[in-house]
């Protein structure tokens, strides 16, 4: 289901958009839907990156301890 929105654009953004639409022969509605979809994907990636950095920091110490254990086991097997 589609939602109806009222939108105010800066004159420069509107003119730039209109020029692009004239060249591509696309509807304004389709253009804005695609633009918002791409912007949403960008923000989802930024939020995911932020979450991954935070979670990585939480397990960093444990990861190093496990790595050291594996290195010790490898050294013992090599002797």
PDB file of N, CA and C in Angstrom:
ATOM      1  N   UNK A   1       0.834  -1.178   0.000  1.00  0.00           N
ATOM      2  CA  UNK A   1       0.000   0.000   0.000  1.00  0.00           C
ATOM      3  C   UNK A   1       0.879   1.241   0.000  1.00  0.00           C
ATOM      4  N   UNK A   2       0.558   2.182  -0.786  1.00  0.00           N
ATOM      5  CA  UNK A   2       1.343   3.416  -0.902  1.00  0.00           C
ATOM      6  C   UNK A   2       0.821   4.467   0.066  1.00  0.00           C
ATOM      7  N   UNK A   3       1.711   5.317   0.506  1.00  0.00           N
ATOM      8  CA  UNK A   3       1.370   6.429   1.399  1.00  0.00           C
ATOM      9  C   UNK A   3       1.564   7.739   0.647  1.00  0.00           C
ATOM     10  N   UNK A   4       0.712   8.677   0.920  1.00  0.00           N
ATOM     11  CA  UNK A   4       0.813   9.999   0.301  1.00  0.00           C
ATOM     12  C   UNK A   4       1.573  10.906   1.259  1.00  0.00           C
ATOM     13  N   UNK A   5       2.582  11.607   0.725  1.00  0.00           N
ATOM     14  CA  UNK A   5       3.399  12.508   1.523  1.00  0.00           C
ATOM     15  C   UNK A   5       3.402  13.898   0.917  1.00  0.00           C
ATOM     16  N   UNK A   6       3.573  14.873   1.774  1.00  0.00           N
ATOM     17  CA  UNK A   6       3.811  16.236   1.327  1.00  0.00           C
ATOM     18  C   UNK A   6       5.286  16.512   1.578  1.00  0.00           C
ATOM     19  N   UNK A   7       5.953  17.112   0.614  1.00  0.00           N
ATOM     20  CA  UNK A   7       7.395  17.243   0.694  1.00  0.00           C
ATOM     21  C   UNK A   7       7.816  18.642   0.262  1.00  0.00           C
ATOM     22  N   UNK A   8       8.697  19.253   1.049  1.00  0.00           N
ATOM     23  CA  UNK A   8       9.259  20.547   0.678  1.00  0.00           C
ATOM     24  C   UNK A   8      10.718  20.343   0.322  1.00  0.00           C
ATOM     25  N   UNK A   9      11.091  20.756  -0.880  1.00  0.00           N
ATOM     26  CA  UNK A   9      12.475  20.657  -1.332  1.00  0.00           C
ATOM     27  C   UNK A   9      13.058  22.047  -1.492  1.00  0.00           C
ATOM     28  N   UNK A  10      14.348  22.133  -1.273  1.00  0.00           N
ATOM     29  CA  UNK A  10      15.040  23.383  -1.566  1.00  0.00           C
ATOM     30  C   UNK A  10      14.981  23.589  -3.075  1.00  0.00           C
ATOM     31  N   UNK A  11      14.931  24.832  -3.502  1.00  0.00           N
ATOM     32  CA  UNK A  11      14.807  25.138  -4.936  1.00  0.00           C
ATOM     33  C   UNK A  11      15.905  24.475  -5.759  1.00  0.00           C
ATOM     34  N   UNK A  12      17.125  24.521  -5.260  1.00  0.00           N
ATOM     35  CA  UNK A  12      18.251  23.943  -5.993  1.00  0.00           C
ATOM     36  C   UNK A  12      18.073  22.426  -6.168  1.00  0.00           C
ATOM     37  N   UNK A  13      17.651  21.754  -5.119  1.00  0.00           N
ATOM     38  CA  UNK A  13      17.437  20.302  -5.178  1.00  0.00           C
ATOM     39  C   UNK A  13      16.297  19.990  -6.150  1.00  0.00           C
ATOM     40  N   UNK A  14      15.236  20.787  -6.092  1.00  0.00           N
ATOM     41  CA  UNK A  14      14.095  20.566  -6.991  1.00  0.00           C
ATOM     42  C   UNK A  14      14.496  20.739  -8.453  1.00  0.00           C
ATOM     43  N   UNK A  15      15.222  21.812  -8.758  1.00  0.00           N
ATOM     44  CA  UNK A  15      15.636  22.068 -10.142  1.00  0.00           C
ATOM     45  C   UNK A  15      16.555  20.964 -10.654  1.00  0.00           C
ATOM     46  N   UNK A  16      17.483  20.548  -9.821  1.00  0.00           N
ATOM     47  CA  UNK A  16      18.406  19.482 -10.192  1.00  0.00           C
ATOM     48  C   UNK A  16      17.625  18.185 -10.469  1.00  0.00           C
ATOM     49  N   UNK A  17      16.670  17.888  -9.626  1.00  0.00           N
ATOM     50  CA  UNK A  17      15.840  16.693  -9.791  1.00  0.00           C
ATOM     51  C   UNK A  17      15.036  16.765 -11.078  1.00  0.00           C
ATOM     52  N   UNK A  18      14.442  17.890 -11.330  1.00  0.00           N
ATOM     53  CA  UNK A  18      13.636  18.054 -12.546  1.00  0.00           C
ATOM     54  C   UNK A  18      14.472  17.861 -13.804  1.00  0.00           C
ATOM     55  N   UNK A  19      15.703  18.348 -13.789  1.00  0.00           N
ATOM     56  CA  UNK A  19      16.589  18.180 -14.947  1.00  0.00           C
ATOM     57  C   UNK A  19      16.913  16.698 -15.157  1.00  0.00           C
ATOM     58  N   UNK A  20      17.214  16.020 -14.071  1.00  0.00           N
ATOM     59  CA  UNK A  20      17.501  14.583 -14.175  1.00  0.00           C
ATOM     60  C   UNK A  20      16.282  13.834 -14.688  1.00  0.00           C
ATOM     61  N   UNK A  21      15.121  14.180 -14.193  1.00  0.00           N
ATOM     62  CA  UNK A  21      13.890  13.513 -14.630  1.00  0.00           C
ATOM     63  C   UNK A  21      13.609  13.767 -16.107  1.00  0.00           C
ATOM     64  N   UNK A  22      13.868  14.965 -16.572  1.00  0.00           N
ATOM     65  CA  UNK A  22      13.671  15.272 -18.001  1.00  0.00           C
ATOM     66  C   UNK A  22      14.591  14.412 -18.873  1.00  0.00           C
ATOM     67  N   UNK A  23      15.825  14.259 -18.437  1.00  0.00           N
ATOM     68  CA  UNK A  23      16.797  13.490 -19.220  1.00  0.00           C
ATOM     69  C   UNK A  23      16.496  11.993 -19.199  1.00  0.00           C
ATOM     70  N   UNK A  24      15.983  11.500 -18.093  1.00  0.00           N
ATOM     71  CA  UNK A  24      15.738  10.065 -17.947  1.00  0.00           C
ATOM     72  C   UNK A  24      14.307   9.648 -18.266  1.00  0.00           C
ATOM     73  N   UNK A  25      13.443  10.621 -18.418  1.00  0.00           N
ATOM     74  CA  UNK A  25      12.020  10.352 -18.706  1.00  0.00           C
ATOM     75  C   UNK A  25      11.416   9.387 -17.697  1.00  0.00           C
ATOM     76  N   UNK A  26      11.624   9.696 -16.434  1.00  0.00           N
ATOM     77  CA  UNK A  26      11.059   8.900 -15.341  1.00  0.00           C
ATOM     78  C   UNK A  26      10.050   9.745 -14.600  1.00  0.00           C
ATOM     79  N   UNK A  27       9.156   9.070 -13.921  1.00  0.00           N
ATOM     80  CA  UNK A  27       8.195   9.819 -13.115  1.00  0.00           C
ATOM     81  C   UNK A  27       8.875  10.296 -11.835  1.00  0.00           C
ATOM     82  N   UNK A  28       8.409  11.389 -11.337  1.00  0.00           N
ATOM     83  CA  UNK A  28       8.950  11.950 -10.106  1.00  0.00           C
ATOM     84  C   UNK A  28       8.732  10.955  -8.958  1.00  0.00           C
ATOM     85  N   UNK A  29       7.567  10.343  -8.936  1.00  0.00           N
ATOM     86  CA  UNK A  29       7.245   9.388  -7.882  1.00  0.00           C
ATOM     87  C   UNK A  29       8.228   8.210  -7.883  1.00  0.00           C
ATOM     88  N   UNK A  30       8.480   7.628  -9.049  1.00  0.00           N
ATOM     89  CA  UNK A  30       9.415   6.498  -9.144  1.00  0.00           C
ATOM     90  C   UNK A  30      10.820   6.927  -8.728  1.00  0.00           C
ATOM     91  N   UNK A  31      11.208   8.116  -9.145  1.00  0.00           N
ATOM     92  CA  UNK A  31      12.538   8.633  -8.809  1.00  0.00           C
ATOM     93  C   UNK A  31      12.705   8.780  -7.299  1.00  0.00           C
ATOM     94  N   UNK A  32      11.737   9.396  -6.640  1.00  0.00           N
ATOM     95  CA  UNK A  32      11.831   9.590  -5.199  1.00  0.00           C
ATOM     96  C   UNK A  32      11.764   8.264  -4.449  1.00  0.00           C
ATOM     97  N   UNK A  33      10.948   7.333  -4.920  1.00  0.00           N
ATOM     98  CA  UNK A  33      10.892   6.019  -4.278  1.00  0.00           C
ATOM     99  C   UNK A  33      12.240   5.315  -4.349  1.00  0.00           C
ATOM    100  N   UNK A  34      12.877   5.352  -5.518  1.00  0.00           N
ATOM    101  CA  UNK A  34      14.175   4.715  -5.664  1.00  0.00           C
ATOM    102  C   UNK A  34      15.229   5.428  -4.820  1.00  0.00           C
ATOM    103  N   UNK A  35      15.195   6.744  -4.816  1.00  0.00           N
ATOM    104  CA  UNK A  35      16.173   7.515  -4.042  1.00  0.00           C
ATOM    105  C   UNK A  35      16.050   7.216  -2.551  1.00  0.00           C
ATOM    106  N   UNK A  36      14.842   7.171  -2.046  1.00  0.00           N
ATOM    107  CA  UNK A  36      14.638   6.897  -0.624  1.00  0.00           C
ATOM    108  C   UNK A  36      15.023   5.454  -0.301  1.00  0.00           C
ATOM    109  N   UNK A  37      14.708   4.532  -1.193  1.00  0.00           N
ATOM    110  CA  UNK A  37      15.089   3.137  -0.999  1.00  0.00           C
ATOM    111  C   UNK A  37      16.615   3.004  -0.885  1.00  0.00           C
ATOM    112  N   UNK A  38      17.354   3.651  -1.790  1.00  0.00           N
ATOM    113  CA  UNK A  38      18.815   3.597  -1.747  1.00  0.00           C
ATOM    114  C   UNK A  38      19.366   4.263  -0.489  1.00  0.00           C
ATOM    115  N   UNK A  39      18.764   5.366  -0.069  1.00  0.00           N
ATOM    116  CA  UNK A  39      19.212   6.061   1.130  1.00  0.00           C
ATOM    117  C   UNK A  39      18.947   5.204   2.369  1.00  0.00           C
ATOM    118  N   UNK A  40      17.814   4.508   2.400  1.00  0.00           N
ATOM    119  CA  UNK A  40      17.515   3.600   3.509  1.00  0.00           C
ATOM    120  C   UNK A  40      18.543   2.470   3.579  1.00  0.00           C
ATOM    121  N   UNK A  41      18.917   1.920   2.430  1.00  0.00           N
ATOM    122  CA  UNK A  41      19.929   0.862   2.398  1.00  0.00           C
ATOM    123  C   UNK A  41      21.261   1.381   2.936  1.00  0.00           C
ATOM    124  N   UNK A  42      21.624   2.597   2.567  1.00  0.00           N
ATOM    125  CA  UNK A  42      22.862   3.208   3.059  1.00  0.00           C
ATOM    126  C   UNK A  42      22.834   3.310   4.579  1.00  0.00           C
ATOM    127  N   UNK A  43      21.733   3.791   5.130  1.00  0.00           N
ATOM    128  CA  UNK A  43      21.641   3.946   6.573  1.00  0.00           C
ATOM    129  C   UNK A  43      21.614   2.605   7.289  1.00  0.00           C
ATOM    130  N   UNK A  44      20.979   1.601   6.704  1.00  0.00           N
ATOM    131  CA  UNK A  44      20.993   0.276   7.315  1.00  0.00           C
ATOM    132  C   UNK A  44      22.422  -0.249   7.395  1.00  0.00           C
ATOM    133  N   UNK A  45      23.210  -0.029   6.347  1.00  0.00           N
ATOM    134  CA  UNK A  45      24.614  -0.463   6.352  1.00  0.00           C
ATOM    135  C   UNK A  45      25.408   0.283   7.412  1.00  0.00           C
ATOM    136  N   UNK A  46      25.172   1.594   7.549  1.00  0.00           N
ATOM    137  CA  UNK A  46      25.881   2.374   8.566  1.00  0.00           C
ATOM    138  C   UNK A  46      25.532   1.876   9.968  1.00  0.00           C
ATOM    139  N   UNK A  47      24.249   1.584  10.205  1.00  0.00           N
ATOM    140  CA  UNK A  47      23.831   1.093  11.515  1.00  0.00           C
ATOM    141  C   UNK A  47      24.400  -0.298  11.790  1.00  0.00           C
ATOM    142  N   UNK A  48      24.445  -1.141  10.765  1.00  0.00           N
ATOM    143  CA  UNK A  48      25.018  -2.473  10.917  1.00  0.00           C
ATOM    144  C   UNK A  48      26.510  -2.375  11.240  1.00  0.00           C
ATOM    145  N   UNK A  49      27.214  -1.499  10.560  1.00  0.00           N
ATOM    146  CA  UNK A  49      28.647  -1.314  10.824  1.00  0.00           C
ATOM    147  C   UNK A  49      28.871  -0.875  12.265  1.00  0.00           C
ATOM    148  N   UNK A  50      28.051   0.054  12.720  1.00  0.00           N
ATOM    149  CA  UNK A  50      28.176   0.540  14.091  1.00  0.00           C
ATOM    150  C   UNK A  50      27.944  -0.602  15.091  1.00  0.00           C
ATOM    151  N   UNK A  51      26.945  -1.433  14.837  1.00  0.00           N
ATOM    152  CA  UNK A  51      26.654  -2.561  15.726  1.00  0.00           C
ATOM    153  C   UNK A  51      27.786  -3.582  15.698  1.00  0.00           C
ATOM    154  N   UNK A  52      28.325  -3.859  14.507  1.00  0.00           N
ATOM    155  CA  UNK A  52      29.416  -4.825  14.400  1.00  0.00           C
ATOM    156  C   UNK A  52      30.680  -4.340  15.101  1.00  0.00           C
ATOM    157  N   UNK A  53      30.967  -3.069  15.007  1.00  0.00           N
ATOM    158  CA  UNK A  53      32.136  -2.510  15.700  1.00  0.00           C
ATOM    159  C   UNK A  53      31.951  -2.645  17.203  1.00  0.00           C
ATOM    160  N   UNK A  54      30.762  -2.335  17.700  1.00  0.00           N
ATOM    161  CA  UNK A  54      30.500  -2.438  19.136  1.00  0.00           C
ATOM    162  C   UNK A  54      30.600  -3.890  19.608  1.00  0.00           C
ATOM    163  N   UNK A  55      30.011  -4.815  18.856  1.00  0.00           N
ATOM    164  CA  UNK A  55      30.052  -6.224  19.239  1.00  0.00           C
ATOM    165  C   UNK A  55      31.457  -6.799  19.140  1.00  0.00           C
ATOM    166  N   UNK A  56      32.205  -6.364  18.152  1.00  0.00           N
ATOM    167  CA  UNK A  56      33.580  -6.824  17.997  1.00  0.00           C
ATOM    168  C   UNK A  56      34.420  -6.384  19.190  1.00  0.00           C
ATOM    169  N   UNK A  57      34.194  -5.179  19.656  1.00  0.00           N
ATOM    170  CA  UNK A  57      34.939  -4.683  20.810  1.00  0.00           C
ATOM    171  C   UNK A  57      34.625  -5.507  22.058  1.00  0.00           C
ATOM    172  N   UNK A  58      33.387  -5.988  22.159  1.00  0.00           N
ATOM    173  CA  UNK A  58      32.991  -6.779  23.326  1.00  0.00           C
ATOM    174  C   UNK A  58      33.707  -8.124  23.384  1.00  0.00           C
ATOM    175  N   UNK A  59      34.010  -8.705  22.230  1.00  0.00           N
ATOM    176  CA  UNK A  59      34.611 -10.049  22.205  1.00  0.00           C
ATOM    177  C   UNK A  59      36.094 -10.033  21.856  1.00  0.00           C
ATOM    178  N   UNK A  60      36.675  -8.868  21.683  1.00  0.00           N
ATOM    179  CA  UNK A  60      38.070  -8.771  21.250  1.00  0.00           C
ATOM    180  C   UNK A  60      39.017  -9.469  22.229  1.00  0.00           C
ATOM    181  N   UNK A  61      38.816  -9.256  23.503  1.00  0.00           N
ATOM    182  CA  UNK A  61      39.706  -9.844  24.509  1.00  0.00           C
ATOM    183  C   UNK A  61      39.610 -11.377  24.490  1.00  0.00           C
ATOM    184  N   UNK A  62      38.395 -11.891  24.402  1.00  0.00           N
ATOM    185  CA  UNK A  62      38.209 -13.348  24.335  1.00  0.00           C
ATOM    186  C   UNK A  62      38.826 -13.921  23.062  1.00  0.00           C
ATOM    187  N   UNK A  63      38.679 -13.221  21.970  1.00  0.00           N
ATOM    188  CA  UNK A  63      39.241 -13.694  20.703  1.00  0.00           C
ATOM    189  C   UNK A  63      40.756 -13.811  20.781  1.00  0.00           C
ATOM    190  N   UNK A  64      41.405 -12.848  21.411  1.00  0.00           N
ATOM    191  CA  UNK A  64      42.863 -12.902  21.574  1.00  0.00           C
ATOM    192  C   UNK A  64      43.280 -14.066  22.468  1.00  0.00           C
ATOM    193  N   UNK A  65      42.522 -14.322  23.514  1.00  0.00           N
ATOM    194  CA  UNK A  65      42.834 -15.439  24.410  1.00  0.00           C
ATOM    195  C   UNK A  65      42.722 -16.768  23.672  1.00  0.00           C
ATOM    196  N   UNK A  66      41.687 -16.912  22.859  1.00  0.00           N
ATOM    197  CA  UNK A  66      41.505 -18.146  22.082  1.00  0.00           C
ATOM    198  C   UNK A  66      42.628 -18.305  21.068  1.00  0.00           C
ATOM    199  N   UNK A  67      43.004 -17.224  20.433  1.00  0.00           N
ATOM    200  CA  UNK A  67      44.103 -17.265  19.471  1.00  0.00           C
ATOM    201  C   UNK A  67      45.403 -17.710  20.142  1.00  0.00           C
ATOM    202  N   UNK A  68      45.672 -17.171  21.316  1.00  0.00           N
ATOM    203  CA  UNK A  68      46.879 -17.572  22.049  1.00  0.00           C
ATOM    204  C   UNK A  68      46.835 -19.050  22.405  1.00  0.00           C
ATOM    205  N   UNK A  69      45.676 -19.568  22.796  1.00  0.00           N
ATOM    206  CA  UNK A  69      45.531 -20.995  23.114  1.00  0.00           C
ATOM    207  C   UNK A  69      45.824 -21.842  21.892  1.00  0.00           C
ATOM    208  N   UNK A  70      45.278 -21.458  20.735  1.00  0.00           N
ATOM    209  CA  UNK A  70      45.549 -22.194  19.500  1.00  0.00           C
ATOM    210  C   UNK A  70      47.032 -22.156  19.129  1.00  0.00           C
ATOM    211  N   UNK A  71      47.663 -21.020  19.331  1.00  0.00           N
ATOM    212  CA  UNK A  71      49.095 -20.909  19.022  1.00  0.00           C
ATOM    213  C   UNK A  71      49.915 -21.809  19.930  1.00  0.00           C
ATOM    214  N   UNK A  72      49.545 -21.889  21.205  1.00  0.00           N
ATOM    215  CA  UNK A  72      50.239 -22.772  22.147  1.00  0.00           C
ATOM    216  C   UNK A  72      50.065 -24.226  21.723  1.00  0.00           C
ATOM    217  N   UNK A  73      48.856 -24.602  21.335  1.00  0.00           N
ATOM    218  CA  UNK A  73      48.595 -25.980  20.899  1.00  0.00           C
ATOM    219  C   UNK A  73      49.397 -26.302  19.653  1.00  0.00           C
ATOM    220  N   UNK A  74      49.458 -25.355  18.735  1.00  0.00           N
ATOM    221  CA  UNK A  74      50.229 -25.564  17.495  1.00  0.00           C
ATOM    222  C   UNK A  74      51.709 -25.730  17.803  1.00  0.00           C
ATOM    223  N   UNK A  75      52.230 -24.916  18.730  1.00  0.00           N
ATOM    224  CA  UNK A  75      53.634 -25.024  19.115  1.00  0.00           C
ATOM    225  C   UNK A  75      53.936 -26.365  19.782  1.00  0.00           C
ATOM    226  N   UNK A  76      53.014 -26.829  20.615  1.00  0.00           N
ATOM    227  CA  UNK A  76      53.194 -28.107  21.297  1.00  0.00           C
ATOM    228  C   UNK A  76      53.185 -29.266  20.293  1.00  0.00           C
ATOM    229  N   UNK A  77      52.333 -29.197  19.294  1.00  0.00           N
ATOM    230  CA  UNK A  77      52.255 -30.242  18.289  1.00  0.00           C
ATOM    231  C   UNK A  77      53.479 -30.228  17.379  1.00  0.00           C
ATOM    232  N   UNK A  78      54.057 -29.062  17.198  1.00  0.00           N
ATOM    233  CA  UNK A  78      55.217 -28.935  16.317  1.00  0.00           C
ATOM    234  C   UNK A  78      56.486 -29.438  16.950  1.00  0.00           C
ATOM    235  N   UNK A  79      56.549 -29.476  18.274  1.00  0.00           N
ATOM    236  CA  UNK A  79      57.779 -29.902  18.962  1.00  0.00           C
ATOM    237  C   UNK A  79      58.037 -31.372  18.877  1.00  0.00           C
TER     238      UNK A  79
END
